[in-house]
Amino acid sequence: MSTNTRPEHISAFEALTSGDHDNFVLFSCFLDGEPAVAIVVVTPPESDEDEYQITPLFVGITANMVLTDHEGTTA
């Protein structure tokens, strides 16, 4: 069976769970027009002209979202 888990997902998860980083935040957002929340990495600007970089890693569950496995079984 294949997986949707990519190496960058594994790296992000390991960084989140390691406790070695303090730049992860919950970011209020919208997913398909529905209120949602994402786990993001906030990277400070490298110079005064740059802006903060916000990189989404994972999006939280929304009320209408249905999680299934690869066989269609709901979680």
C-alpha atoms as a PDB file:
ATOM      1  CA  MET A   1       0.000   0.000   0.000  1.00  0.00           C
ATOM      2  CA  SER A   2       1.256   3.465  -0.810  1.00  0.00           C
ATOM      3  CA  THR A   3       1.330   6.368   1.594  1.00  0.00           C
ATOM      4  CA  ASN A   4       0.704  10.086   1.281  1.00  0.00           C
ATOM      5  CA  THR A   5       3.371  10.732   3.924  1.00  0.00           C
ATOM      6  CA  ARG A   6       6.300  12.455   2.265  1.00  0.00           C
ATOM      7  CA  PRO A   7       9.804  13.016   3.653  1.00  0.00           C
ATOM      8  CA  GLU A   8       9.028  16.703   4.302  1.00  0.00           C
ATOM      9  CA  HIS A   9       6.017  15.644   6.440  1.00  0.00           C
ATOM     10  CA  ILE A  10       8.270  13.407   8.501  1.00  0.00           C
ATOM     11  CA  SER A  11      10.849  16.191   8.923  1.00  0.00           C
ATOM     12  CA  ALA A  12       8.165  18.669  10.000  1.00  0.00           C
ATOM     13  CA  PHE A  13       6.679  16.196  12.476  1.00  0.00           C
ATOM     14  CA  GLU A  14      10.098  15.430  13.954  1.00  0.00           C
ATOM     15  CA  ALA A  15      10.841  19.146  14.295  1.00  0.00           C
ATOM     16  CA  LEU A  16       7.474  19.719  16.000  1.00  0.00           C
ATOM     17  CA  THR A  17       7.911  16.900  18.477  1.00  0.00           C
ATOM     18  CA  SER A  18      11.621  17.393  19.238  1.00  0.00           C
ATOM     19  CA  GLY A  19      11.211  20.535  21.341  1.00  0.00           C
ATOM     20  CA  ASP A  20      14.274  21.988  19.627  1.00  0.00           C
ATOM     21  CA  HIS A  21      12.380  24.754  17.820  1.00  0.00           C
ATOM     22  CA  ASP A  22      10.234  27.619  19.085  1.00  0.00           C
ATOM     23  CA  ASN A  23       8.923  29.092  15.829  1.00  0.00           C
ATOM     24  CA  PHE A  24       5.821  26.908  15.365  1.00  0.00           C
ATOM     25  CA  VAL A  25       2.475  28.632  15.889  1.00  0.00           C
ATOM     26  CA  LEU A  26      -1.239  28.042  15.379  1.00  0.00           C
ATOM     27  CA  PHE A  27      -2.472  30.285  12.565  1.00  0.00           C
ATOM     28  CA  SER A  28      -6.153  31.120  12.198  1.00  0.00           C
ATOM     29  CA  CYS A  29      -7.167  30.675   8.549  1.00  0.00           C
ATOM     30  CA  PHE A  30      -9.854  29.406   6.190  1.00  0.00           C
ATOM     31  CA  LEU A  31      -9.937  26.103   4.298  1.00  0.00           C
ATOM     32  CA  ASP A  32     -12.342  26.012   1.353  1.00  0.00           C
ATOM     33  CA  GLY A  33     -14.114  29.017   2.883  1.00  0.00           C
ATOM     34  CA  GLU A  34     -14.577  27.301   6.266  1.00  0.00           C
ATOM     35  CA  PRO A  35     -12.905  28.512   9.479  1.00  0.00           C
ATOM     36  CA  ALA A  36      -9.812  26.424  10.178  1.00  0.00           C
ATOM     37  CA  VAL A  37      -6.440  26.512  11.890  1.00  0.00           C
ATOM     38  CA  ALA A  38      -3.004  25.588  10.565  1.00  0.00           C
ATOM     39  CA  ILE A  39       0.291  24.744  12.211  1.00  0.00           C
ATOM     40  CA  VAL A  40       2.859  27.034  10.607  1.00  0.00           C
ATOM     41  CA  VAL A  41       6.536  27.881  10.867  1.00  0.00           C
ATOM     42  CA  VAL A  42       7.288  31.586  11.263  1.00  0.00           C
ATOM     43  CA  THR A  43      10.699  32.623   9.979  1.00  0.00           C
ATOM     44  CA  PRO A  44      11.853  36.148  10.903  1.00  0.00           C
ATOM     45  CA  PRO A  45      13.072  38.512   8.193  1.00  0.00           C
ATOM     46  CA  GLU A  46      16.741  38.400   7.276  1.00  0.00           C
ATOM     47  CA  SER A  47      16.852  42.147   6.674  1.00  0.00           C
ATOM     48  CA  ASP A  48      14.785  45.243   7.424  1.00  0.00           C
ATOM     49  CA  GLU A  49      13.268  45.117   3.920  1.00  0.00           C
ATOM     50  CA  ASP A  50      12.097  41.500   4.217  1.00  0.00           C
ATOM     51  CA  GLU A  51       8.867  40.285   5.774  1.00  0.00           C
ATOM     52  CA  TYR A  52       8.193  37.368   8.084  1.00  0.00           C
ATOM     53  CA  GLN A  53       7.817  34.129   6.166  1.00  0.00           C
ATOM     54  CA  ILE A  54       4.855  31.958   7.190  1.00  0.00           C
ATOM     55  CA  THR A  55       5.057  28.366   5.968  1.00  0.00           C
ATOM     56  CA  PRO A  56       2.006  26.159   6.544  1.00  0.00           C
ATOM     57  CA  LEU A  57       2.774  22.605   7.626  1.00  0.00           C
ATOM     58  CA  PHE A  58      -0.542  21.072   8.625  1.00  0.00           C
ATOM     59  CA  VAL A  59      -4.171  22.193   8.540  1.00  0.00           C
ATOM     60  CA  GLY A  60      -6.486  21.357  11.428  1.00  0.00           C
ATOM     61  CA  ILE A  61      -9.719  19.439  11.118  1.00  0.00           C
ATOM     62  CA  THR A  62     -12.773  21.408  10.012  1.00  0.00           C
ATOM     63  CA  ALA A  63     -16.365  20.546  10.924  1.00  0.00           C
ATOM     64  CA  ASN A  64     -17.142  19.200   7.434  1.00  0.00           C
ATOM     65  CA  MET A  65     -13.888  17.307   6.902  1.00  0.00           C
ATOM     66  CA  VAL A  66     -14.041  13.524   6.781  1.00  0.00           C
ATOM     67  CA  LEU A  67     -10.784  11.591   7.241  1.00  0.00           C
ATOM     68  CA  THR A  68     -10.492   8.209   5.564  1.00  0.00           C
ATOM     69  CA  ASP A  69      -7.724   5.701   5.073  1.00  0.00           C
ATOM     70  CA  HIS A  70      -6.592   4.488   1.638  1.00  0.00           C
ATOM     71  CA  GLU A  71      -9.459   1.979   1.592  1.00  0.00           C
ATOM     72  CA  GLY A  72     -12.095   4.624   2.332  1.00  0.00           C
ATOM     73  CA  THR A  73     -12.657   3.629   5.954  1.00  0.00           C
ATOM     74  CA  THR A  74     -13.434   6.684   8.074  1.00  0.00           C
ATOM     75  CA  ALA A  75     -11.199   7.464  11.009  1.00  0.00           C
END
